[in-house]
Amino acid sequence: MYLIVGLGNPGPQYERTFHNCGFEAVTAAARLAGAGPVRNKCRALLAEAFVGGEKVIFAKPQTYMNLSGESIREIIAYYGIPLTNVVVIYDDYDLPLGWIRIRAKGTGGSHNGMRNVVALLGTKEVARIRIGIRPENPTMPLLDYVLSSRAKDEQILIPAFNAAAQAALEFAGGTDAEMLAMKYNTVKESAQGG
């Protein structure tokens, strides 16, 4: 069994903000996998599908971003999912807008949601897919920016959501996170000229 989690904030006021990129990507992954109906369990919106014969849980924690680890820990405990089968998708201001970066493990960096996940799971050994949200010319404070509307940047972000979704499904299909990093990180970086 696998768990694909997208980080974000619940509620309509946050729906189209940069901080909800993880929610968008997990929604795209669930749609691609043909996931069943959404239900509320373990303080998250959950849907299920089978990918390559394996059951996959798609989750959007409803605990708000900075407490995401609480819900994820509950889901893992309830379903008995090994940490090696968990991938977390979230926005990353340290990456240029639209870039994808995949890692098999690491700290939470400057992202409070991922820091909470690492702290509550008690390990850095959690795969993650980061979606870059940093604009070329930042003009507002970080907190204001991540909670601002991303509507004008959707044409750049939608391909990133889809790439993150596809990478997450490949992870759930048994592809190692390091292999995914080689595939997706390189493609995105060369596409951006970096």
N, C-alpha and C. Protein backbone atom coordinates (compact mmCIF):
# COMPACT_ATOMS: atom_id res chain seq x y z
N MET A 1 0.84 -1.18 0.00
CA MET A 1 0.00 0.00 0.00
C MET A 1 0.89 1.25 0.00
N TYR A 2 0.44 2.27 -0.72
CA TYR A 2 1.17 3.53 -0.83
C TYR A 2 0.31 4.70 -0.40
N LEU A 3 0.96 5.77 0.01
CA LEU A 3 0.28 7.00 0.39
C LEU A 3 0.88 8.15 -0.39
N ILE A 4 0.04 8.86 -1.13
CA ILE A 4 0.44 10.09 -1.83
C ILE A 4 -0.28 11.23 -1.15
N VAL A 5 0.48 12.14 -0.56
CA VAL A 5 -0.08 13.26 0.20
C VAL A 5 0.26 14.58 -0.48
N GLY A 6 -0.73 15.44 -0.60
CA GLY A 6 -0.49 16.81 -1.06
C GLY A 6 -0.72 17.74 0.11
N LEU A 7 0.21 18.65 0.35
CA LEU A 7 0.06 19.60 1.45
C LEU A 7 -0.66 20.85 0.99
N GLY A 8 -1.44 21.43 1.90
CA GLY A 8 -2.17 22.66 1.60
C GLY A 8 -2.99 23.07 2.80
N ASN A 9 -3.85 24.06 2.58
CA ASN A 9 -4.76 24.55 3.62
C ASN A 9 -6.19 24.32 3.18
N PRO A 10 -7.06 23.88 4.10
CA PRO A 10 -8.46 23.67 3.74
C PRO A 10 -9.21 24.99 3.65
N GLY A 11 -10.32 24.98 2.93
CA GLY A 11 -11.18 26.15 2.85
C GLY A 11 -11.07 26.88 1.53
N PRO A 12 -12.19 27.45 1.08
CA PRO A 12 -12.24 28.11 -0.23
C PRO A 12 -11.30 29.30 -0.36
N GLN A 13 -10.98 29.98 0.75
CA GLN A 13 -10.11 31.14 0.67
C GLN A 13 -8.68 30.78 0.30
N TYR A 14 -8.32 29.49 0.43
CA TYR A 14 -6.96 29.06 0.12
C TYR A 14 -6.86 28.27 -1.19
N GLU A 15 -8.00 27.95 -1.81
CA GLU A 15 -8.02 27.03 -2.94
C GLU A 15 -7.00 27.32 -4.03
N ARG A 16 -6.89 28.54 -4.45
CA ARG A 16 -6.02 28.84 -5.60
C ARG A 16 -4.79 29.64 -5.18
N THR A 17 -4.28 29.32 -3.99
CA THR A 17 -3.07 29.99 -3.52
C THR A 17 -1.85 29.12 -3.84
N PHE A 18 -0.69 29.73 -3.82
CA PHE A 18 0.55 28.99 -4.07
C PHE A 18 0.77 27.88 -3.04
N HIS A 19 0.35 28.14 -1.79
CA HIS A 19 0.56 27.17 -0.73
C HIS A 19 -0.26 25.89 -0.94
N ASN A 20 -1.22 25.92 -1.85
CA ASN A 20 -2.05 24.74 -2.09
C ASN A 20 -1.64 23.96 -3.33
N CYS A 21 -0.44 24.18 -3.81
CA CYS A 21 0.04 23.42 -4.97
C CYS A 21 0.06 21.92 -4.71
N GLY A 22 0.35 21.51 -3.49
CA GLY A 22 0.34 20.09 -3.15
C GLY A 22 -1.04 19.49 -3.31
N PHE A 23 -2.07 20.23 -2.86
CA PHE A 23 -3.45 19.77 -3.04
C PHE A 23 -3.76 19.57 -4.52
N GLU A 24 -3.35 20.54 -5.34
CA GLU A 24 -3.63 20.46 -6.79
C GLU A 24 -2.97 19.23 -7.41
N ALA A 25 -1.73 18.97 -7.04
CA ALA A 25 -1.00 17.84 -7.62
C ALA A 25 -1.59 16.51 -7.18
N VAL A 26 -2.00 16.38 -5.91
CA VAL A 26 -2.58 15.12 -5.46
C VAL A 26 -3.95 14.91 -6.08
N THR A 27 -4.68 15.99 -6.32
CA THR A 27 -5.96 15.88 -7.02
C THR A 27 -5.73 15.37 -8.45
N ALA A 28 -4.71 15.89 -9.10
CA ALA A 28 -4.37 15.45 -10.46
C ALA A 28 -3.97 13.97 -10.45
N ALA A 29 -3.21 13.55 -9.46
CA ALA A 29 -2.77 12.15 -9.37
C ALA A 29 -3.97 11.23 -9.15
N ALA A 30 -4.88 11.63 -8.27
CA ALA A 30 -6.08 10.82 -8.00
C ALA A 30 -6.94 10.69 -9.26
N ARG A 31 -7.06 11.79 -9.98
CA ARG A 31 -7.84 11.78 -11.23
C ARG A 31 -7.19 10.85 -12.25
N LEU A 32 -5.88 10.95 -12.43
CA LEU A 32 -5.17 10.08 -13.38
C LEU A 32 -5.31 8.60 -13.02
N ALA A 33 -5.35 8.31 -11.72
CA ALA A 33 -5.45 6.92 -11.27
C ALA A 33 -6.89 6.40 -11.25
N GLY A 34 -7.86 7.30 -11.50
CA GLY A 34 -9.26 6.89 -11.45
C GLY A 34 -9.73 6.57 -10.04
N ALA A 35 -9.29 7.39 -9.08
CA ALA A 35 -9.61 7.15 -7.67
C ALA A 35 -11.11 7.24 -7.43
N GLY A 36 -11.54 6.50 -6.41
CA GLY A 36 -12.95 6.46 -6.02
C GLY A 36 -13.36 7.74 -5.30
N PRO A 37 -14.54 7.70 -4.68
CA PRO A 37 -15.07 8.90 -4.02
C PRO A 37 -14.20 9.38 -2.87
N VAL A 38 -14.28 10.67 -2.62
CA VAL A 38 -13.52 11.29 -1.54
C VAL A 38 -14.30 11.16 -0.24
N ARG A 39 -13.58 10.84 0.83
CA ARG A 39 -14.21 10.78 2.15
C ARG A 39 -13.30 11.44 3.17
N ASN A 40 -13.88 11.80 4.28
CA ASN A 40 -13.14 12.48 5.34
C ASN A 40 -12.77 11.45 6.41
N LYS A 41 -11.47 11.24 6.58
CA LYS A 41 -10.99 10.26 7.55
C LYS A 41 -9.59 10.67 7.99
N CYS A 42 -9.24 10.44 9.24
CA CYS A 42 -7.91 10.77 9.77
C CYS A 42 -7.59 12.25 9.57
N ARG A 43 -8.59 13.09 9.72
CA ARG A 43 -8.44 14.55 9.54
C ARG A 43 -7.88 14.90 8.16
N ALA A 44 -8.34 14.17 7.15
CA ALA A 44 -7.90 14.40 5.78
C ALA A 44 -9.02 14.01 4.82
N LEU A 45 -8.95 14.56 3.61
CA LEU A 45 -9.81 14.10 2.53
C LEU A 45 -9.04 12.99 1.83
N LEU A 46 -9.64 11.80 1.76
CA LEU A 46 -8.96 10.63 1.23
C LEU A 46 -9.73 10.05 0.05
N ALA A 47 -8.99 9.52 -0.90
CA ALA A 47 -9.56 8.75 -2.00
C ALA A 47 -8.62 7.57 -2.23
N GLU A 48 -9.12 6.51 -2.87
CA GLU A 48 -8.33 5.30 -3.08
C GLU A 48 -8.39 4.85 -4.52
N ALA A 49 -7.33 4.21 -4.96
CA ALA A 49 -7.27 3.61 -6.30
C ALA A 49 -6.22 2.51 -6.25
N PHE A 50 -6.15 1.74 -7.32
CA PHE A 50 -5.10 0.73 -7.45
C PHE A 50 -4.16 1.17 -8.57
N VAL A 51 -2.87 1.13 -8.29
CA VAL A 51 -1.84 1.48 -9.27
C VAL A 51 -0.89 0.30 -9.34
N GLY A 52 -0.79 -0.31 -10.51
CA GLY A 52 0.10 -1.47 -10.65
C GLY A 52 -0.20 -2.57 -9.67
N GLY A 53 -1.48 -2.77 -9.35
CA GLY A 53 -1.87 -3.82 -8.42
C GLY A 53 -1.76 -3.44 -6.95
N GLU A 54 -1.23 -2.26 -6.66
CA GLU A 54 -1.08 -1.80 -5.27
C GLU A 54 -2.16 -0.78 -4.93
N LYS A 55 -2.71 -0.90 -3.73
CA LYS A 55 -3.67 0.09 -3.25
C LYS A 55 -2.93 1.37 -2.93
N VAL A 56 -3.49 2.50 -3.39
CA VAL A 56 -2.89 3.81 -3.15
C VAL A 56 -3.93 4.71 -2.48
N ILE A 57 -3.53 5.36 -1.41
CA ILE A 57 -4.36 6.33 -0.71
C ILE A 57 -3.88 7.71 -1.14
N PHE A 58 -4.80 8.55 -1.60
CA PHE A 58 -4.51 9.93 -1.96
C PHE A 58 -5.07 10.80 -0.84
N ALA A 59 -4.24 11.69 -0.28
CA ALA A 59 -4.66 12.43 0.90
C ALA A 59 -4.39 13.92 0.79
N LYS A 60 -5.36 14.69 1.32
CA LYS A 60 -5.21 16.13 1.50
C LYS A 60 -5.53 16.43 2.97
N PRO A 61 -4.49 16.55 3.81
CA PRO A 61 -4.73 16.83 5.23
C PRO A 61 -5.55 18.10 5.42
N GLN A 62 -6.47 18.07 6.38
CA GLN A 62 -7.34 19.21 6.65
C GLN A 62 -6.94 19.90 7.95
N THR A 63 -5.73 19.67 8.41
CA THR A 63 -5.24 20.20 9.68
C THR A 63 -4.57 21.57 9.53
N TYR A 64 -4.59 22.12 8.34
CA TYR A 64 -3.83 23.32 7.97
C TYR A 64 -2.36 22.95 7.81
N MET A 65 -1.72 23.72 6.96
CA MET A 65 -0.38 23.41 6.49
C MET A 65 0.61 23.07 7.60
N ASN A 66 0.70 23.93 8.61
CA ASN A 66 1.75 23.78 9.61
C ASN A 66 1.55 22.61 10.56
N LEU A 67 0.40 21.93 10.47
CA LEU A 67 0.13 20.75 11.30
C LEU A 67 -0.12 19.52 10.44
N SER A 68 0.36 19.53 9.22
CA SER A 68 0.11 18.44 8.27
C SER A 68 0.57 17.09 8.80
N GLY A 69 1.65 17.07 9.55
CA GLY A 69 2.18 15.82 10.07
C GLY A 69 1.21 15.07 10.97
N GLU A 70 0.32 15.81 11.66
CA GLU A 70 -0.64 15.16 12.55
C GLU A 70 -1.55 14.23 11.77
N SER A 71 -2.11 14.73 10.68
CA SER A 71 -3.00 13.93 9.85
C SER A 71 -2.25 12.79 9.16
N ILE A 72 -1.07 13.09 8.63
CA ILE A 72 -0.29 12.07 7.92
C ILE A 72 0.08 10.93 8.86
N ARG A 73 0.47 11.25 10.08
CA ARG A 73 0.80 10.22 11.06
C ARG A 73 -0.41 9.33 11.35
N GLU A 74 -1.61 9.94 11.44
CA GLU A 74 -2.83 9.17 11.67
C GLU A 74 -3.12 8.23 10.50
N ILE A 75 -2.97 8.71 9.29
CA ILE A 75 -3.24 7.90 8.10
C ILE A 75 -2.29 6.70 8.05
N ILE A 76 -1.01 6.97 8.27
CA ILE A 76 0.00 5.90 8.24
C ILE A 76 -0.31 4.84 9.29
N ALA A 77 -0.67 5.29 10.50
CA ALA A 77 -0.98 4.34 11.58
C ALA A 77 -2.25 3.55 11.27
N TYR A 78 -3.28 4.22 10.78
CA TYR A 78 -4.56 3.56 10.51
C TYR A 78 -4.43 2.48 9.44
N TYR A 79 -3.73 2.79 8.36
CA TYR A 79 -3.62 1.85 7.25
C TYR A 79 -2.38 0.95 7.35
N GLY A 80 -1.47 1.24 8.27
CA GLY A 80 -0.25 0.45 8.40
C GLY A 80 0.67 0.59 7.20
N ILE A 81 0.81 1.83 6.72
CA ILE A 81 1.62 2.09 5.53
C ILE A 81 3.08 2.29 5.93
N PRO A 82 4.01 1.55 5.31
CA PRO A 82 5.43 1.77 5.63
C PRO A 82 5.90 3.14 5.14
N LEU A 83 6.77 3.76 5.91
CA LEU A 83 7.27 5.09 5.54
C LEU A 83 7.95 5.09 4.17
N THR A 84 8.51 3.96 3.78
CA THR A 84 9.16 3.87 2.46
C THR A 84 8.15 3.97 1.33
N ASN A 85 6.85 3.87 1.64
CA ASN A 85 5.79 3.94 0.63
C ASN A 85 4.99 5.23 0.70
N VAL A 86 5.59 6.25 1.29
CA VAL A 86 4.93 7.55 1.43
C VAL A 86 5.66 8.58 0.60
N VAL A 87 4.91 9.39 -0.15
CA VAL A 87 5.49 10.52 -0.86
C VAL A 87 4.63 11.75 -0.57
N VAL A 88 5.28 12.87 -0.29
CA VAL A 88 4.60 14.11 0.06
C VAL A 88 4.89 15.14 -1.04
N ILE A 89 3.84 15.80 -1.52
CA ILE A 89 3.97 16.82 -2.56
C ILE A 89 3.63 18.18 -1.94
N TYR A 90 4.50 19.16 -2.19
CA TYR A 90 4.25 20.48 -1.61
C TYR A 90 4.95 21.58 -2.41
N ASP A 91 4.53 22.81 -2.14
CA ASP A 91 5.12 23.99 -2.79
C ASP A 91 6.48 24.29 -2.18
N ASP A 92 7.35 24.90 -2.98
CA ASP A 92 8.68 25.25 -2.47
C ASP A 92 9.12 26.60 -3.05
N TYR A 93 9.22 27.56 -2.16
CA TYR A 93 9.63 28.91 -2.57
C TYR A 93 11.11 28.96 -2.95
N ASP A 94 11.88 27.96 -2.56
CA ASP A 94 13.31 27.95 -2.90
C ASP A 94 13.57 27.49 -4.33
N LEU A 95 12.53 27.03 -5.02
CA LEU A 95 12.67 26.60 -6.43
C LEU A 95 11.96 27.59 -7.34
N PRO A 96 12.50 27.83 -8.52
CA PRO A 96 11.83 28.72 -9.47
C PRO A 96 10.44 28.22 -9.86
N LEU A 97 9.57 29.12 -10.17
CA LEU A 97 8.19 28.84 -10.54
C LEU A 97 8.10 27.74 -11.60
N GLY A 98 7.36 26.67 -11.27
CA GLY A 98 7.12 25.60 -12.22
C GLY A 98 8.14 24.48 -12.23
N TRP A 99 9.24 24.63 -11.52
CA TRP A 99 10.24 23.56 -11.46
C TRP A 99 9.73 22.44 -10.56
N ILE A 100 10.22 21.24 -10.81
CA ILE A 100 9.93 20.07 -9.98
C ILE A 100 11.25 19.56 -9.41
N ARG A 101 11.25 19.21 -8.14
CA ARG A 101 12.43 18.62 -7.52
C ARG A 101 11.98 17.44 -6.68
N ILE A 102 12.53 16.28 -6.92
CA ILE A 102 12.17 15.06 -6.20
C ILE A 102 13.37 14.61 -5.38
N ARG A 103 13.10 14.23 -4.14
CA ARG A 103 14.14 13.73 -3.24
C ARG A 103 13.60 12.52 -2.49
N ALA A 104 14.46 11.57 -2.21
CA ALA A 104 14.07 10.38 -1.45
C ALA A 104 14.00 10.67 0.04
N LYS A 105 14.70 11.71 0.49
CA LYS A 105 14.74 12.04 1.92
C LYS A 105 15.28 13.45 2.08
N GLY A 106 15.24 13.95 3.32
CA GLY A 106 15.80 15.26 3.60
C GLY A 106 15.06 15.94 4.74
N THR A 107 15.51 17.13 5.05
CA THR A 107 14.85 17.92 6.10
C THR A 107 13.61 18.58 5.51
N GLY A 108 12.92 19.32 6.35
CA GLY A 108 11.77 20.08 5.88
C GLY A 108 12.19 21.41 5.26
N GLY A 109 13.49 21.73 5.35
CA GLY A 109 13.97 23.00 4.79
C GLY A 109 13.24 24.17 5.42
N SER A 110 12.85 25.13 4.59
CA SER A 110 12.17 26.32 5.08
C SER A 110 10.65 26.17 5.05
N HIS A 111 10.16 24.97 4.70
CA HIS A 111 8.73 24.74 4.57
C HIS A 111 8.16 24.21 5.89
N ASN A 112 7.33 25.03 6.55
CA ASN A 112 6.81 24.66 7.87
C ASN A 112 5.96 23.39 7.84
N GLY A 113 5.20 23.18 6.78
CA GLY A 113 4.39 21.97 6.68
C GLY A 113 5.25 20.73 6.64
N MET A 114 6.28 20.74 5.80
CA MET A 114 7.15 19.57 5.69
C MET A 114 8.00 19.40 6.94
N ARG A 115 8.37 20.50 7.58
CA ARG A 115 9.10 20.39 8.85
C ARG A 115 8.25 19.66 9.89
N ASN A 116 6.95 19.97 9.92
CA ASN A 116 6.05 19.32 10.84
C ASN A 116 5.93 17.83 10.51
N VAL A 117 5.89 17.48 9.24
CA VAL A 117 5.82 16.08 8.81
C VAL A 117 7.06 15.34 9.30
N VAL A 118 8.22 15.89 9.04
CA VAL A 118 9.48 15.25 9.44
C VAL A 118 9.53 15.10 10.97
N ALA A 119 9.13 16.13 11.69
CA ALA A 119 9.18 16.09 13.16
C ALA A 119 8.23 15.03 13.72
N LEU A 120 6.99 14.99 13.22
CA LEU A 120 6.01 14.07 13.79
C LEU A 120 6.20 12.63 13.33
N LEU A 121 6.76 12.44 12.15
CA LEU A 121 7.05 11.07 11.73
C LEU A 121 8.37 10.58 12.33
N GLY A 122 9.17 11.52 12.83
CA GLY A 122 10.42 11.15 13.49
C GLY A 122 11.50 10.67 12.54
N THR A 123 11.42 11.08 11.28
CA THR A 123 12.43 10.66 10.31
C THR A 123 12.50 11.65 9.14
N LYS A 124 13.70 11.72 8.54
CA LYS A 124 13.89 12.49 7.31
C LYS A 124 13.73 11.59 6.10
N GLU A 125 13.51 10.29 6.33
CA GLU A 125 13.44 9.29 5.26
C GLU A 125 12.05 9.23 4.65
N VAL A 126 11.56 10.36 4.17
CA VAL A 126 10.25 10.43 3.52
C VAL A 126 10.46 11.05 2.15
N ALA A 127 10.00 10.35 1.11
CA ALA A 127 10.12 10.88 -0.25
C ALA A 127 9.26 12.13 -0.40
N ARG A 128 9.76 13.06 -1.22
CA ARG A 128 9.00 14.30 -1.42
C ARG A 128 9.16 14.80 -2.85
N ILE A 129 8.10 15.44 -3.32
CA ILE A 129 8.09 16.09 -4.63
C ILE A 129 7.76 17.55 -4.38
N ARG A 130 8.70 18.42 -4.70
CA ARG A 130 8.51 19.85 -4.46
C ARG A 130 8.19 20.55 -5.77
N ILE A 131 7.24 21.47 -5.71
CA ILE A 131 6.84 22.27 -6.87
C ILE A 131 7.29 23.70 -6.62
N GLY A 132 8.16 24.20 -7.49
CA GLY A 132 8.69 25.55 -7.33
C GLY A 132 7.64 26.62 -7.54
N ILE A 133 7.66 27.62 -6.64
CA ILE A 133 6.69 28.71 -6.74
C ILE A 133 7.34 30.09 -6.74
N ARG A 134 8.69 30.16 -6.65
CA ARG A 134 9.36 31.47 -6.55
C ARG A 134 9.26 32.22 -7.87
N PRO A 135 8.74 33.46 -7.84
CA PRO A 135 8.66 34.25 -9.06
C PRO A 135 10.04 34.78 -9.46
N GLU A 136 10.16 35.20 -10.71
CA GLU A 136 11.44 35.76 -11.17
C GLU A 136 11.83 36.99 -10.39
N ASN A 137 10.87 37.86 -10.13
CA ASN A 137 11.14 39.11 -9.42
C ASN A 137 10.21 39.23 -8.21
N PRO A 138 10.61 38.65 -7.07
CA PRO A 138 9.75 38.71 -5.89
C PRO A 138 9.51 40.15 -5.45
N THR A 139 8.24 40.46 -5.16
CA THR A 139 7.90 41.82 -4.75
C THR A 139 7.16 41.89 -3.43
N MET A 140 6.82 40.75 -2.85
CA MET A 140 6.08 40.79 -1.58
C MET A 140 6.69 39.82 -0.58
N PRO A 141 6.40 40.04 0.71
CA PRO A 141 6.92 39.14 1.75
C PRO A 141 6.46 37.70 1.50
N LEU A 142 7.27 36.74 1.92
CA LEU A 142 7.02 35.33 1.67
C LEU A 142 5.62 34.89 2.10
N LEU A 143 5.21 35.19 3.33
CA LEU A 143 3.90 34.74 3.82
C LEU A 143 2.77 35.29 2.96
N ASP A 144 2.87 36.56 2.60
CA ASP A 144 1.84 37.14 1.74
C ASP A 144 1.82 36.46 0.38
N TYR A 145 3.00 36.15 -0.14
CA TYR A 145 3.09 35.54 -1.47
C TYR A 145 2.49 34.13 -1.50
N VAL A 146 2.88 33.28 -0.53
CA VAL A 146 2.41 31.89 -0.58
C VAL A 146 0.90 31.80 -0.39
N LEU A 147 0.30 32.80 0.24
CA LEU A 147 -1.15 32.80 0.44
C LEU A 147 -1.87 33.66 -0.60
N SER A 148 -1.13 34.14 -1.60
CA SER A 148 -1.76 34.94 -2.67
C SER A 148 -2.24 34.05 -3.80
N SER A 149 -3.08 34.60 -4.65
CA SER A 149 -3.63 33.84 -5.78
C SER A 149 -2.56 33.53 -6.81
N ARG A 150 -2.57 32.31 -7.30
CA ARG A 150 -1.62 31.89 -8.32
C ARG A 150 -2.25 31.93 -9.71
N ALA A 151 -3.45 32.53 -9.84
CA ALA A 151 -4.23 32.47 -11.07
C ALA A 151 -3.43 32.89 -12.30
N LYS A 152 -2.65 33.97 -12.20
CA LYS A 152 -1.92 34.44 -13.38
C LYS A 152 -0.76 33.51 -13.77
N ASP A 153 -0.38 32.60 -12.89
CA ASP A 153 0.72 31.68 -13.17
C ASP A 153 0.26 30.25 -13.46
N GLU A 154 -1.06 30.05 -13.63
CA GLU A 154 -1.57 28.70 -13.83
C GLU A 154 -0.97 28.04 -15.07
N GLN A 155 -0.72 28.79 -16.14
CA GLN A 155 -0.18 28.19 -17.36
C GLN A 155 1.20 27.59 -17.13
N ILE A 156 1.93 28.09 -16.14
CA ILE A 156 3.23 27.52 -15.79
C ILE A 156 3.06 26.39 -14.78
N LEU A 157 2.12 26.55 -13.86
CA LEU A 157 1.97 25.58 -12.77
C LEU A 157 1.21 24.32 -13.15
N ILE A 158 0.24 24.39 -14.04
CA ILE A 158 -0.53 23.20 -14.38
C ILE A 158 0.37 22.08 -14.92
N PRO A 159 1.32 22.36 -15.82
CA PRO A 159 2.23 21.28 -16.22
C PRO A 159 3.05 20.74 -15.05
N ALA A 160 3.39 21.59 -14.09
CA ALA A 160 4.13 21.14 -12.91
C ALA A 160 3.25 20.23 -12.05
N PHE A 161 1.97 20.59 -11.88
CA PHE A 161 1.05 19.73 -11.12
C PHE A 161 0.95 18.37 -11.79
N ASN A 162 0.82 18.37 -13.11
CA ASN A 162 0.67 17.11 -13.84
C ASN A 162 1.94 16.27 -13.77
N ALA A 163 3.11 16.91 -13.87
CA ALA A 163 4.37 16.18 -13.77
C ALA A 163 4.54 15.59 -12.36
N ALA A 164 4.20 16.37 -11.34
CA ALA A 164 4.28 15.88 -9.96
C ALA A 164 3.33 14.71 -9.76
N ALA A 165 2.13 14.82 -10.32
CA ALA A 165 1.14 13.74 -10.22
C ALA A 165 1.66 12.47 -10.88
N GLN A 166 2.21 12.60 -12.07
CA GLN A 166 2.73 11.45 -12.79
C GLN A 166 3.90 10.80 -12.04
N ALA A 167 4.79 11.63 -11.52
CA ALA A 167 5.92 11.11 -10.74
C ALA A 167 5.43 10.37 -9.50
N ALA A 168 4.42 10.92 -8.82
CA ALA A 168 3.87 10.26 -7.63
C ALA A 168 3.26 8.91 -7.98
N LEU A 169 2.58 8.83 -9.10
CA LEU A 169 1.99 7.56 -9.52
C LEU A 169 3.07 6.54 -9.90
N GLU A 170 4.15 7.02 -10.50
CA GLU A 170 5.27 6.12 -10.80
C GLU A 170 5.90 5.61 -9.51
N PHE A 171 6.00 6.48 -8.50
CA PHE A 171 6.50 6.07 -7.18
C PHE A 171 5.60 4.98 -6.61
N ALA A 172 4.28 5.19 -6.69
CA ALA A 172 3.33 4.20 -6.18
C ALA A 172 3.35 2.92 -7.01
N GLY A 173 3.82 3.02 -8.23
CA GLY A 173 3.97 1.85 -9.08
C GLY A 173 5.26 1.10 -8.83
N GLY A 174 6.07 1.58 -7.89
CA GLY A 174 7.29 0.88 -7.51
C GLY A 174 8.59 1.50 -7.97
N THR A 175 8.53 2.64 -8.65
CA THR A 175 9.77 3.29 -9.09
C THR A 175 10.42 4.01 -7.92
N ASP A 176 11.68 3.77 -7.71
CA ASP A 176 12.46 4.37 -6.63
C ASP A 176 12.51 5.90 -6.80
N ALA A 177 12.43 6.62 -5.67
CA ALA A 177 12.44 8.09 -5.69
C ALA A 177 13.72 8.64 -6.33
N GLU A 178 14.85 7.97 -6.11
CA GLU A 178 16.10 8.43 -6.72
C GLU A 178 16.04 8.35 -8.25
N MET A 179 15.41 7.28 -8.76
CA MET A 179 15.24 7.15 -10.21
C MET A 179 14.31 8.23 -10.74
N LEU A 180 13.26 8.51 -10.00
CA LEU A 180 12.33 9.58 -10.41
C LEU A 180 13.04 10.92 -10.41
N ALA A 181 13.92 11.14 -9.44
CA ALA A 181 14.67 12.39 -9.38
C ALA A 181 15.51 12.56 -10.64
N MET A 182 16.16 11.47 -11.06
CA MET A 182 16.98 11.55 -12.27
C MET A 182 16.12 11.88 -13.49
N LYS A 183 14.95 11.31 -13.55
CA LYS A 183 14.06 11.52 -14.70
C LYS A 183 13.43 12.92 -14.69
N TYR A 184 12.77 13.27 -13.59
CA TYR A 184 11.99 14.51 -13.55
C TYR A 184 12.83 15.75 -13.28
N ASN A 185 13.79 15.66 -12.35
CA ASN A 185 14.60 16.84 -12.05
C ASN A 185 15.37 17.28 -13.28
N THR A 186 15.98 16.36 -13.99
CA THR A 186 16.77 16.70 -15.16
C THR A 186 15.93 17.30 -16.27
N VAL A 187 14.78 16.68 -16.54
CA VAL A 187 13.89 17.17 -17.60
C VAL A 187 13.46 18.60 -17.29
N LYS A 188 13.03 18.83 -16.06
CA LYS A 188 12.53 20.16 -15.71
C LYS A 188 13.65 21.18 -15.76
N GLU A 189 14.81 20.84 -15.23
CA GLU A 189 15.90 21.81 -15.21
C GLU A 189 16.35 22.16 -16.62
N SER A 190 16.47 21.17 -17.50
CA SER A 190 16.92 21.50 -18.85
C SER A 190 15.84 22.26 -19.61
N ALA A 191 14.57 21.99 -19.28
CA ALA A 191 13.49 22.72 -19.94
C ALA A 191 13.51 24.18 -19.53
N GLN A 192 14.00 24.45 -18.32
CA GLN A 192 14.07 25.83 -17.83
C GLN A 192 15.42 26.47 -18.14
N GLY A 193 16.31 25.73 -18.76
CA GLY A 193 17.62 26.29 -19.09
C GLY A 193 18.58 26.30 -17.94
N GLY A 194 18.32 25.50 -16.88
CA GLY A 194 19.23 25.50 -15.73
C GLY A 194 19.74 24.20 -15.50
